[in-house]
Amino acid sequence: MADATYSDVPGAPAEERIDPRRLIAFVAMVFGMFMAILDIQIVSASLAEIQAGLNAGADEISWVQTSYLIAEVIMIPLSGTLARILSTRILFTVSAAGFTAASVLAATATNIDQMIVYRAIQGFIGGGMIPSVFAAAYTIFPRSKQAIIAPVIGLVATLAPTIGPTVGGYLSSYFSWHWLFLINLGPGVVVAALAWLLIDFDEPEFNLAKSFDWLGFIGMAVFLGALEFVLEEGPANDWLADETILIFSIVMTIGAILFFYRAFTASFPVVDLGAFRNINFAFGSVFSFVMGIGLYGLTYLYPLYLGRIRGYDSLMIGETVFVTGIAMFLCAPMSGALSARVDPRIMLLLGFLGFGVSTWMLTPIDAEWDFWELFLPQIIRGASLMFCMVTITNLALGTLPVDRLKSASGLFNLTRNLGGAVGLAAITTLLSDRSDLHYARIAETVTSANRTAVETLDNLAANFDASGLSGADAALNQLTGMVQQQAWVMAFADVSWILTMLFAGLALGALAMKKPPSGGAPAGH
């Protein structure tokens, strides 16, 4: 049978050789997933260049990233159903080819409207590649090989968004922003060709298309799309105080009601939520959600600090945050070896404690921190990401029956992406609120009664007068900027404390779990 797996064979020896054809197909799928996840963050450090190239407004350019995220978050849970109907071979080939074509279109965009449409197409079609890799890893490889495979997909899923700003910074600095998208052309064609020629581990069930739940799909698309929009735009628009955010929140609620109603009543729901009955999958999804906060939240915070406080350009930011990627790459083999020998609760404990330590080390930050002050926190964060990702993936997907893997892998990846979206929204809101609070408190002390403040203002005014500028006004503006900068750095430290508490709590939660069964095939075999 085409859908039989090595772990299905009774008494299969642990050293059984993996089919080279399937191994090459899996490598191609992993590379496709890497491209799709990389493109989430590859534009983040180069938005200014894209804005200038397209003559876009400051309020429009963020949609280059938002449109991709909204479209991708809709496709990810849908991919499980599409893989059953079309087969992994057809879905992955179409996704890789469509993603590549949309990347080329994005490179040819001449205005912001075209770019937003092309990025949405790119995110939606490319999102079909991500869950397929997780499902394939637990379908075609025997359990004895999963200690090797899990670190590979874990490394790719976490490394891609981490190094996205680095890759984007290099491409836009040495070439042009067009190469952020053109870089996908060659690899995309190769991945699509290999997927069509080599993927053979399941068969399509075209008859299921007749039962496709269009009503449930509409509800899911409205729910997840509106949710992503609210989380992306809410922090900058005062949340429900903004009429547009309020309308989208209402639409999101209606979509959620429709989606969940159909998920529990339709004969063939667009997303099968039954995987959550598996305790390990349910716990793993919660951990995945929080890991998304750590992954995407800190990938956002580091470049923000380096750009706003240190004045780094996109290339300098990329070179600084690349440290995390190096740590992840070096720790991947160790995390895989330990996952086969160490209690997964201990792995999660070490991983989330490491996250907590890395954010705790950021709490004394000031405006003078540079590469070396951020070096060790990034190393610890990179190692912790690998410990968490490998363990969480095995915990969530390793004990599920094969017939649930396609849908479950979509849900699993969705929780990580939603965790990132929620985390970014919360972090942005906290930074804004806490910086306003600190600014007000500092401003209260910067008065004529504060001798240090008066001396600083006089010195600044004298420097400006010597330069032929209006000393008093310029000095006051610069002092205001200094207070704002200090307030923002203090807010950054506050967010680091909150993240430290969150990760420490998850570490304790890992100890409260029951140890999952070891050995044997996934449940249902």
Protein backbone atom coordinates (compact mmCIF):
# COMPACT_ATOMS: atom_id res chain seq x y z
CA MET A 1 0.00 0.00 0.00
CA ALA A 2 1.23 3.48 -0.84
CA ASP A 3 0.30 4.87 2.55
CA ALA A 4 1.93 2.17 4.66
CA THR A 5 4.75 3.33 6.88
CA TYR A 6 7.84 1.65 8.26
CA SER A 7 6.44 1.86 11.75
CA ASP A 8 3.40 -0.13 10.52
CA VAL A 9 5.49 -3.20 9.78
CA PRO A 10 5.19 -5.70 12.66
CA GLY A 11 8.56 -6.40 14.19
CA ALA A 12 10.38 -3.96 11.92
CA PRO A 13 13.99 -3.67 13.09
CA ALA A 14 15.13 -0.31 14.42
CA GLU A 15 18.02 -0.21 11.93
CA GLU A 16 15.76 -0.72 8.90
CA ARG A 17 17.07 1.22 5.93
CA ILE A 18 15.07 4.25 4.78
CA ASP A 19 14.02 4.33 1.13
CA PRO A 20 16.41 6.82 -0.59
CA ARG A 21 13.57 8.02 -2.85
CA ARG A 22 11.48 9.02 0.14
CA LEU A 23 14.48 10.55 1.88
CA ILE A 24 15.21 12.83 -1.10
CA ALA A 25 11.51 13.72 -1.30
CA PHE A 26 11.54 14.62 2.39
CA VAL A 27 14.63 16.81 2.00
CA ALA A 28 12.91 18.66 -0.85
CA MET A 29 9.81 19.15 1.32
CA VAL A 30 11.92 20.49 4.20
CA PHE A 31 13.55 23.00 1.86
CA GLY A 32 10.13 24.10 0.61
CA MET A 33 8.96 24.60 4.18
CA PHE A 34 12.11 26.61 4.90
CA MET A 35 11.31 29.00 2.03
CA ALA A 36 7.71 29.46 3.14
CA ILE A 37 8.62 30.20 6.78
CA LEU A 38 11.64 32.33 5.84
CA ASP A 39 9.43 34.63 3.79
CA ILE A 40 7.42 35.57 6.89
CA GLN A 41 10.36 37.53 8.27
CA ILE A 42 12.63 38.11 5.25
CA VAL A 43 10.97 41.48 4.56
CA SER A 44 10.95 42.66 8.19
CA ALA A 45 14.37 44.34 8.10
CA SER A 46 13.88 45.71 4.57
CA LEU A 47 10.45 47.38 4.73
CA ALA A 48 12.02 50.83 4.37
CA GLU A 49 13.66 49.83 1.07
CA ILE A 50 10.41 48.30 -0.23
CA GLN A 51 8.47 51.40 0.86
CA ALA A 52 10.84 53.66 -1.04
CA GLY A 53 10.81 51.44 -4.12
CA LEU A 54 7.02 51.34 -4.29
CA ASN A 55 6.39 54.91 -3.12
CA ALA A 56 4.17 53.49 -0.37
CA GLY A 57 2.85 55.34 2.65
CA ALA A 58 3.99 54.62 6.19
CA ASP A 59 0.55 53.21 7.05
CA GLU A 60 0.58 50.92 3.99
CA ILE A 61 3.97 49.25 4.10
CA SER A 62 3.18 47.01 7.09
CA TRP A 63 0.68 45.20 4.86
CA VAL A 64 3.59 43.65 2.95
CA GLN A 65 3.98 41.42 6.00
CA THR A 66 0.40 41.42 7.31
CA SER A 67 -1.17 40.20 4.04
CA TYR A 68 1.25 37.26 3.96
CA LEU A 69 0.50 36.32 7.57
CA ILE A 70 -3.28 36.53 7.19
CA ALA A 71 -3.29 34.36 4.06
CA GLU A 72 -0.85 31.82 5.50
CA VAL A 73 -2.73 31.40 8.77
CA ILE A 74 -5.86 30.45 6.78
CA MET A 75 -4.09 27.85 4.64
CA ILE A 76 -2.14 26.11 7.40
CA PRO A 77 -5.12 24.37 9.10
CA LEU A 78 -6.83 23.85 5.72
CA SER A 79 -3.84 21.96 4.34
CA GLY A 80 -4.70 18.75 6.20
CA THR A 81 -8.05 18.45 4.44
CA LEU A 82 -6.55 19.38 1.07
CA ALA A 83 -3.80 16.77 1.52
CA ARG A 84 -6.43 14.08 2.05
CA ILE A 85 -8.40 15.13 -1.02
CA LEU A 86 -5.50 15.82 -3.39
CA SER A 87 -2.67 13.74 -1.80
CA THR A 88 0.52 15.18 -0.36
CA ARG A 89 2.20 14.92 -3.77
CA ILE A 90 -0.28 17.14 -5.60
CA LEU A 91 -0.77 19.60 -2.73
CA PHE A 92 2.96 20.09 -2.13
CA THR A 93 3.80 20.38 -5.83
CA VAL A 94 1.06 22.95 -6.45
CA SER A 95 2.07 24.83 -3.28
CA ALA A 96 5.77 24.94 -4.23
CA ALA A 97 5.07 25.98 -7.83
CA GLY A 98 2.45 28.56 -6.83
CA PHE A 99 4.65 29.99 -4.09
CA THR A 100 7.51 30.36 -6.58
CA ALA A 101 5.29 32.06 -9.17
CA ALA A 102 3.88 34.45 -6.55
CA SER A 103 7.43 35.27 -5.42
CA VAL A 104 8.34 36.32 -8.96
CA LEU A 105 5.17 38.41 -9.17
CA ALA A 106 6.08 40.14 -5.89
CA ALA A 107 9.47 41.05 -7.34
CA THR A 108 7.76 42.68 -10.33
CA ALA A 109 5.29 44.74 -8.26
CA THR A 110 5.26 48.41 -9.21
CA ASN A 111 2.91 49.71 -6.50
CA ILE A 112 1.86 48.77 -3.00
CA ASP A 113 -1.52 47.36 -4.03
CA GLN A 114 0.09 44.83 -6.35
CA MET A 115 2.61 43.88 -3.68
CA ILE A 116 -0.11 43.25 -1.08
CA VAL A 117 -2.06 41.00 -3.47
CA TYR A 118 1.02 39.05 -4.55
CA ARG A 119 2.17 38.60 -0.94
CA ALA A 120 -1.25 37.31 0.04
CA ILE A 121 -1.13 34.76 -2.79
CA GLN A 122 2.41 33.82 -1.78
CA GLY A 123 1.42 33.31 1.87
CA PHE A 124 -1.76 31.35 1.11
CA ILE A 125 -0.24 28.93 -1.40
CA GLY A 126 3.06 28.59 0.46
CA GLY A 127 1.25 27.82 3.71
CA GLY A 128 0.32 24.42 2.28
CA MET A 129 3.95 23.28 2.44
CA ILE A 130 4.51 23.81 6.15
CA PRO A 131 2.23 21.22 7.85
CA SER A 132 2.91 18.64 5.11
CA VAL A 133 6.51 18.28 6.29
CA PHE A 134 5.52 17.56 9.90
CA ALA A 135 2.97 14.97 8.78
CA ALA A 136 5.45 13.34 6.40
CA ALA A 137 8.14 13.07 9.09
CA TYR A 138 5.89 10.95 11.30
CA THR A 139 4.38 9.01 8.39
CA ILE A 140 7.36 7.80 6.36
CA PHE A 141 10.06 7.39 9.02
CA PRO A 142 10.19 4.64 11.66
CA ARG A 143 10.15 5.73 15.30
CA SER A 144 13.81 4.70 15.60
CA LYS A 145 14.75 7.43 13.12
CA GLN A 146 12.63 10.21 14.57
CA ALA A 147 15.34 11.32 17.00
CA ILE A 148 17.23 12.36 13.87
CA ILE A 149 14.29 13.74 11.87
CA ALA A 150 12.63 15.81 14.63
CA PRO A 151 15.65 18.12 15.10
CA VAL A 152 15.78 18.69 11.34
CA ILE A 153 12.20 19.96 11.05
CA GLY A 154 12.53 21.72 14.41
CA LEU A 155 15.65 23.51 13.23
CA VAL A 156 14.04 24.60 9.97
CA ALA A 157 10.77 25.74 11.60
CA THR A 158 12.59 27.92 14.14
CA LEU A 159 15.75 28.87 12.23
CA ALA A 160 13.92 30.25 9.18
CA PRO A 161 12.08 33.10 10.98
CA THR A 162 15.11 33.76 13.17
CA ILE A 163 17.52 34.37 10.28
CA GLY A 164 14.87 36.00 8.07
CA PRO A 165 15.96 39.56 8.99
CA THR A 166 19.61 38.58 8.40
CA VAL A 167 18.99 37.15 4.94
CA GLY A 168 16.72 40.07 4.05
CA GLY A 169 19.27 42.58 5.26
CA TYR A 170 22.06 41.11 3.14
CA LEU A 171 19.92 40.85 0.00
CA SER A 172 18.51 44.38 0.19
CA SER A 173 21.89 45.89 1.09
CA TYR A 174 24.07 44.15 -1.53
CA PHE A 175 21.48 43.76 -4.31
CA SER A 176 17.96 45.23 -4.09
CA TRP A 177 14.68 44.48 -2.36
CA HIS A 178 13.52 42.58 -5.47
CA TRP A 179 15.91 39.77 -4.54
CA LEU A 180 13.99 39.14 -1.33
CA PHE A 181 11.54 37.36 -3.65
CA LEU A 182 13.64 36.38 -6.69
CA ILE A 183 15.84 34.25 -4.44
CA ASN A 184 12.96 31.73 -4.31
CA LEU A 185 12.90 31.12 -8.06
CA GLY A 186 15.64 28.51 -8.51
CA PRO A 187 15.03 26.51 -5.33
CA GLY A 188 11.25 26.70 -5.83
CA VAL A 189 11.41 25.12 -9.28
CA VAL A 190 13.67 22.32 -8.01
CA VAL A 191 11.44 21.63 -4.98
CA ALA A 192 8.28 21.51 -7.12
CA ALA A 193 9.91 19.10 -9.59
CA LEU A 194 11.25 16.78 -6.89
CA ALA A 195 7.91 16.79 -5.06
CA TRP A 196 6.05 15.74 -8.22
CA LEU A 197 8.56 13.04 -9.10
CA LEU A 198 9.32 11.52 -5.68
CA ILE A 199 6.47 11.95 -3.17
CA ASP A 200 4.53 8.68 -3.18
CA PHE A 201 3.50 7.89 0.38
CA ASP A 202 -0.24 8.55 0.15
CA GLU A 203 -3.06 8.49 -2.40
CA PRO A 204 -5.67 11.15 -3.23
CA GLU A 205 -9.27 10.75 -2.09
CA PHE A 206 -10.97 12.89 -4.73
CA ASN A 207 -14.42 11.66 -3.69
CA LEU A 208 -14.06 13.69 -0.46
CA ALA A 209 -14.22 16.90 -2.49
CA LYS A 210 -17.98 16.38 -2.85
CA SER A 211 -18.29 16.65 0.95
CA PHE A 212 -16.02 19.68 1.34
CA ASP A 213 -17.51 21.96 4.00
CA TRP A 214 -17.59 25.32 2.23
CA LEU A 215 -19.55 26.93 5.05
CA GLY A 216 -16.97 25.81 7.58
CA PHE A 217 -14.17 27.04 5.33
CA ILE A 218 -15.76 30.49 5.05
CA GLY A 219 -16.17 30.62 8.83
CA MET A 220 -12.55 29.58 9.38
CA ALA A 221 -11.19 32.06 6.82
CA VAL A 222 -13.21 34.92 8.31
CA PHE A 223 -12.30 33.94 11.88
CA LEU A 224 -8.55 33.48 11.39
CA GLY A 225 -8.17 36.31 8.87
CA ALA A 226 -9.98 38.82 11.08
CA LEU A 227 -8.11 37.56 14.16
CA GLU A 228 -4.75 38.07 12.47
CA PHE A 229 -5.80 41.55 11.32
CA VAL A 230 -6.93 42.55 14.82
CA LEU A 231 -3.71 41.28 16.37
CA GLU A 232 -1.54 43.00 13.75
CA GLU A 233 -3.31 46.36 13.67
CA GLY A 234 -4.78 46.57 17.19
CA PRO A 235 -1.65 47.73 19.05
CA ALA A 236 -1.17 50.73 16.76
CA ASN A 237 -4.84 51.75 16.72
CA ASP A 238 -5.86 51.60 20.39
CA TRP A 239 -7.65 48.27 19.98
CA LEU A 240 -11.47 48.44 20.28
CA ALA A 241 -11.43 52.23 20.53
CA ASP A 242 -10.78 52.18 16.79
CA GLU A 243 -13.92 51.63 14.69
CA THR A 244 -12.21 49.38 12.13
CA ILE A 245 -10.72 47.13 14.82
CA LEU A 246 -14.11 46.92 16.53
CA ILE A 247 -15.83 45.88 13.28
CA PHE A 248 -13.19 43.24 12.55
CA SER A 249 -13.52 41.93 16.13
CA ILE A 250 -17.27 41.46 15.61
CA VAL A 251 -16.65 39.78 12.25
CA MET A 252 -14.03 37.55 13.90
CA THR A 253 -16.52 36.45 16.57
CA ILE A 254 -19.18 35.61 14.00
CA GLY A 255 -16.64 33.66 11.94
CA ALA A 256 -15.46 31.76 15.03
CA ILE A 257 -19.01 30.74 15.96
CA LEU A 258 -19.69 29.48 12.44
CA PHE A 259 -16.36 27.67 12.19
CA PHE A 260 -16.61 25.82 15.51
CA TYR A 261 -20.27 24.97 14.92
CA ARG A 262 -19.40 23.34 11.59
CA ALA A 263 -16.27 21.70 13.04
CA PHE A 264 -18.42 19.78 15.54
CA THR A 265 -21.45 19.07 13.33
CA ALA A 266 -20.26 18.60 9.72
CA SER A 267 -19.71 15.02 8.52
CA PHE A 268 -16.40 16.05 6.91
CA PRO A 269 -15.28 19.25 8.69
CA VAL A 270 -12.76 21.51 7.03
CA VAL A 271 -10.52 21.04 10.09
CA ASP A 272 -10.61 17.93 12.25
CA LEU A 273 -10.32 19.05 15.88
CA GLY A 274 -10.38 15.46 17.14
CA ALA A 275 -6.60 15.47 17.65
CA PHE A 276 -7.13 17.60 20.76
CA ARG A 277 -8.63 14.55 22.47
CA ASN A 278 -5.06 13.25 22.62
CA ILE A 279 -3.67 14.68 25.87
CA ASN A 280 -0.13 14.86 24.56
CA PHE A 281 -1.23 16.74 21.46
CA ALA A 282 -3.32 19.15 23.53
CA PHE A 283 -0.42 19.90 25.91
CA GLY A 284 2.03 20.07 23.01
CA SER A 285 -0.15 22.64 21.27
CA VAL A 286 -0.23 24.83 24.38
CA PHE A 287 3.54 24.68 24.62
CA SER A 288 3.79 25.38 20.89
CA PHE A 289 1.62 28.48 21.34
CA VAL A 290 3.91 29.86 24.06
CA MET A 291 7.00 28.90 22.08
CA GLY A 292 5.58 31.00 19.23
CA ILE A 293 5.60 33.99 21.58
CA GLY A 294 9.27 33.39 22.36
CA LEU A 295 10.21 32.69 18.75
CA TYR A 296 8.45 35.55 16.97
CA GLY A 297 8.32 37.98 19.91
CA LEU A 298 12.07 38.06 20.46
CA THR A 299 12.75 37.98 16.72
CA TYR A 300 10.78 41.24 16.71
CA LEU A 301 12.28 42.77 19.87
CA TYR A 302 15.98 42.44 19.07
CA PRO A 303 15.84 44.24 15.68
CA LEU A 304 13.50 46.85 17.14
CA TYR A 305 15.99 47.72 19.88
CA LEU A 306 18.97 47.70 17.53
CA GLY A 307 17.22 49.90 14.97
CA ARG A 308 15.47 52.36 17.28
CA ILE A 309 18.06 52.74 20.04
CA ARG A 310 21.37 51.82 18.41
CA GLY A 311 20.53 53.19 14.96
CA TYR A 312 21.58 50.01 13.13
CA ASP A 313 20.69 49.53 9.47
CA SER A 314 19.13 46.29 8.19
CA LEU A 315 22.51 44.67 7.45
CA MET A 316 23.96 45.45 10.89
CA ILE A 317 20.79 44.15 12.55
CA GLY A 318 21.00 40.95 10.54
CA GLU A 319 24.63 40.37 11.48
CA THR A 320 23.85 40.86 15.18
CA VAL A 321 20.80 38.59 15.44
CA PHE A 322 22.45 35.86 13.34
CA VAL A 323 24.05 34.66 16.57
CA THR A 324 20.77 32.98 17.56
CA GLY A 325 20.69 31.06 14.28
CA ILE A 326 24.25 29.79 14.76
CA ALA A 327 23.41 28.58 18.27
CA MET A 328 20.33 26.75 16.99
CA PHE A 329 22.28 25.06 14.20
CA LEU A 330 25.00 23.87 16.56
CA CYS A 331 22.55 22.63 19.21
CA ALA A 332 20.24 20.73 16.84
CA PRO A 333 22.23 17.44 16.91
CA MET A 334 22.54 17.54 20.69
CA SER A 335 18.82 18.18 21.18
CA GLY A 336 17.99 15.25 18.90
CA ALA A 337 20.32 12.90 20.77
CA LEU A 338 18.98 13.98 24.16
CA SER A 339 15.35 13.67 23.06
CA ALA A 340 15.87 9.94 22.55
CA ARG A 341 17.38 9.45 26.02
CA VAL A 342 16.01 12.09 28.38
CA ASP A 343 12.54 12.42 29.91
CA PRO A 344 10.71 14.95 27.66
CA ARG A 345 9.53 16.81 30.76
CA ILE A 346 13.17 17.50 31.65
CA MET A 347 13.84 18.65 28.08
CA LEU A 348 10.92 21.08 28.26
CA LEU A 349 12.01 22.24 31.71
CA LEU A 350 15.52 23.02 30.43
CA GLY A 351 14.17 24.64 27.27
CA PHE A 352 11.71 27.01 28.92
CA LEU A 353 14.10 27.76 31.78
CA GLY A 354 16.69 28.67 29.15
CA PHE A 355 14.15 30.98 27.52
CA GLY A 356 13.51 32.56 30.89
CA VAL A 357 17.22 33.03 31.61
CA SER A 358 17.78 34.62 28.19
CA THR A 359 15.02 37.20 28.75
CA TRP A 360 16.05 37.77 32.39
CA MET A 361 19.54 38.68 31.14
CA LEU A 362 17.94 41.50 29.12
CA THR A 363 16.30 43.18 32.12
CA PRO A 364 19.30 45.44 33.03
CA ILE A 365 19.54 46.69 29.42
CA ASP A 366 20.43 50.31 28.69
CA ALA A 367 20.88 52.43 25.58
CA GLU A 368 24.56 51.46 25.26
CA TRP A 369 24.11 47.70 24.84
CA ASP A 370 25.68 46.36 21.69
CA PHE A 371 26.67 43.07 20.02
CA TRP A 372 28.55 41.56 22.95
CA GLU A 373 25.99 42.46 25.61
CA LEU A 374 23.35 40.68 23.48
CA PHE A 375 25.62 37.78 22.55
CA LEU A 376 25.05 35.40 25.48
CA PRO A 377 21.27 35.94 25.75
CA GLN A 378 20.99 35.07 22.06
CA ILE A 379 23.13 31.93 22.45
CA ILE A 380 20.97 30.70 25.33
CA ARG A 381 17.79 31.55 23.42
CA GLY A 382 18.96 29.61 20.35
CA ALA A 383 19.81 26.50 22.36
CA SER A 384 16.51 26.72 24.27
CA LEU A 385 14.52 26.99 21.03
CA MET A 386 15.95 23.69 19.82
CA PHE A 387 15.33 21.92 23.14
CA CYS A 388 11.70 23.10 23.12
CA MET A 389 10.89 22.59 19.47
CA VAL A 390 12.17 19.02 19.19
CA THR A 391 10.46 17.94 22.40
CA ILE A 392 7.17 19.70 21.69
CA THR A 393 6.98 18.27 18.17
CA ASN A 394 7.57 14.72 19.42
CA LEU A 395 5.12 15.24 22.27
CA ALA A 396 2.35 16.63 20.05
CA LEU A 397 2.65 14.47 16.94
CA GLY A 398 4.67 11.40 17.93
CA THR A 399 1.82 9.47 19.53
CA LEU A 400 -0.98 10.26 17.06
CA PRO A 401 -2.37 7.69 14.63
CA VAL A 402 -1.26 8.18 11.04
CA ASP A 403 -4.77 9.03 9.82
CA ARG A 404 -4.84 12.10 12.08
CA LEU A 405 -1.39 13.42 11.27
CA LYS A 406 -2.29 15.56 8.26
CA SER A 407 -4.95 17.56 10.06
CA ALA A 408 -3.10 17.57 13.38
CA SER A 409 0.12 18.92 11.87
CA GLY A 410 -1.84 21.87 10.48
CA LEU A 411 -3.34 22.60 13.89
CA PHE A 412 0.05 22.24 15.55
CA ASN A 413 1.68 24.76 13.23
CA LEU A 414 -1.32 27.05 13.57
CA THR A 415 -0.88 27.23 17.36
CA ARG A 416 2.74 28.32 16.93
CA ASN A 417 1.82 31.02 14.42
CA LEU A 418 -1.09 32.25 16.54
CA GLY A 419 1.19 32.32 19.57
CA GLY A 420 3.54 34.53 17.59
CA ALA A 421 0.69 36.84 16.51
CA VAL A 422 -0.72 37.12 20.03
CA GLY A 423 2.77 37.61 21.44
CA LEU A 424 3.65 40.37 18.99
CA ALA A 425 0.38 42.17 19.68
CA ALA A 426 0.86 41.91 23.46
CA ILE A 427 4.52 42.95 23.28
CA THR A 428 3.76 45.95 21.06
CA THR A 429 0.96 47.07 23.37
CA LEU A 430 3.11 46.62 26.46
CA LEU A 431 5.99 48.55 24.93
CA SER A 432 3.68 51.43 24.06
CA ASP A 433 1.91 51.53 27.43
CA ARG A 434 5.02 51.08 29.55
CA SER A 435 7.08 53.60 27.56
CA ASP A 436 4.28 56.18 27.98
CA LEU A 437 4.24 55.46 31.72
CA HIS A 438 8.02 55.75 32.08
CA TYR A 439 8.10 58.90 29.95
CA ALA A 440 5.50 60.56 32.19
CA ARG A 441 7.42 59.59 35.33
CA ILE A 442 10.77 60.78 34.00
CA ALA A 443 9.23 64.00 32.67
CA GLU A 444 7.91 64.77 36.15
CA THR A 445 11.50 64.90 37.42
CA VAL A 446 12.91 66.94 34.52
CA THR A 447 11.97 70.37 35.88
CA SER A 448 13.73 73.58 36.77
CA ALA A 449 14.15 72.18 40.28
CA ASN A 450 16.28 69.32 38.94
CA ARG A 451 19.84 70.66 38.84
CA THR A 452 21.14 67.87 36.59
CA ALA A 453 18.36 68.44 34.06
CA VAL A 454 19.00 72.20 33.98
CA GLU A 455 22.75 71.70 33.50
CA THR A 456 22.16 69.19 30.72
CA LEU A 457 19.76 71.57 28.98
CA ASP A 458 22.21 74.49 29.29
CA ASN A 459 25.09 72.42 27.91
CA LEU A 460 23.01 71.25 24.96
CA ALA A 461 21.87 74.83 24.26
CA ALA A 462 25.45 76.06 24.33
CA ASN A 463 26.52 73.37 21.85
CA PHE A 464 23.70 74.30 19.47
CA ASP A 465 24.46 78.03 19.80
CA ALA A 466 28.08 77.31 18.87
CA SER A 467 26.82 75.57 15.73
CA GLY A 468 24.72 78.58 14.72
CA LEU A 469 21.39 76.92 15.57
CA SER A 470 18.57 78.06 17.84
CA GLY A 471 20.00 76.76 21.08
CA ALA A 472 17.06 76.70 23.52
CA ASP A 473 14.51 75.03 21.23
CA ALA A 474 16.96 72.53 19.77
CA ALA A 475 18.24 71.63 23.24
CA LEU A 476 14.71 71.06 24.53
CA ASN A 477 13.91 68.83 21.54
CA GLN A 478 17.05 66.77 22.06
CA LEU A 479 16.39 66.41 25.79
CA THR A 480 12.85 65.26 24.99
CA GLY A 481 14.31 62.66 22.62
CA MET A 482 16.69 61.46 25.32
CA VAL A 483 13.80 61.04 27.77
CA GLN A 484 11.76 59.15 25.15
CA GLN A 485 14.69 56.87 24.41
CA GLN A 486 15.24 56.11 28.09
CA ALA A 487 11.52 55.45 28.58
CA TRP A 488 11.52 53.00 25.69
CA VAL A 489 14.58 51.14 27.00
CA MET A 490 12.91 50.82 30.41
CA ALA A 491 9.76 49.48 28.69
CA PHE A 492 11.95 46.93 26.88
CA ALA A 493 13.27 45.79 30.27
CA ASP A 494 9.69 45.51 31.61
CA VAL A 495 8.66 43.29 28.69
CA SER A 496 11.73 41.13 29.32
CA TRP A 497 10.62 40.64 32.93
CA ILE A 498 7.11 39.63 31.86
CA LEU A 499 8.48 37.13 29.33
CA THR A 500 10.79 35.73 31.99
CA MET A 501 7.82 35.03 34.27
CA LEU A 502 5.87 33.45 31.39
CA PHE A 503 8.66 31.05 30.43
CA ALA A 504 9.39 30.17 34.07
CA GLY A 505 5.72 29.29 34.52
CA LEU A 506 5.79 27.01 31.48
CA ALA A 507 8.90 25.31 32.85
CA LEU A 508 6.98 24.45 36.03
CA GLY A 509 4.04 23.33 33.90
CA ALA A 510 6.28 20.83 32.16
CA LEU A 511 7.03 19.16 35.49
CA ALA A 512 3.30 18.84 36.19
CA MET A 513 2.77 16.75 33.06
CA LYS A 514 2.56 12.98 33.02
CA LYS A 515 5.46 11.25 31.35
CA PRO A 516 4.34 10.10 27.88
CA PRO A 517 4.80 6.41 27.05
CA SER A 518 8.14 5.54 25.47
CA GLY A 519 8.80 3.24 22.58
CA GLY A 520 6.32 1.55 20.36
CA ALA A 521 4.49 2.89 17.42
CA PRO A 522 2.22 5.86 17.44
CA ALA A 523 -1.19 5.34 18.86
CA GLY A 524 -3.53 3.65 16.58
CA HIS A 525 -1.02 1.31 14.97
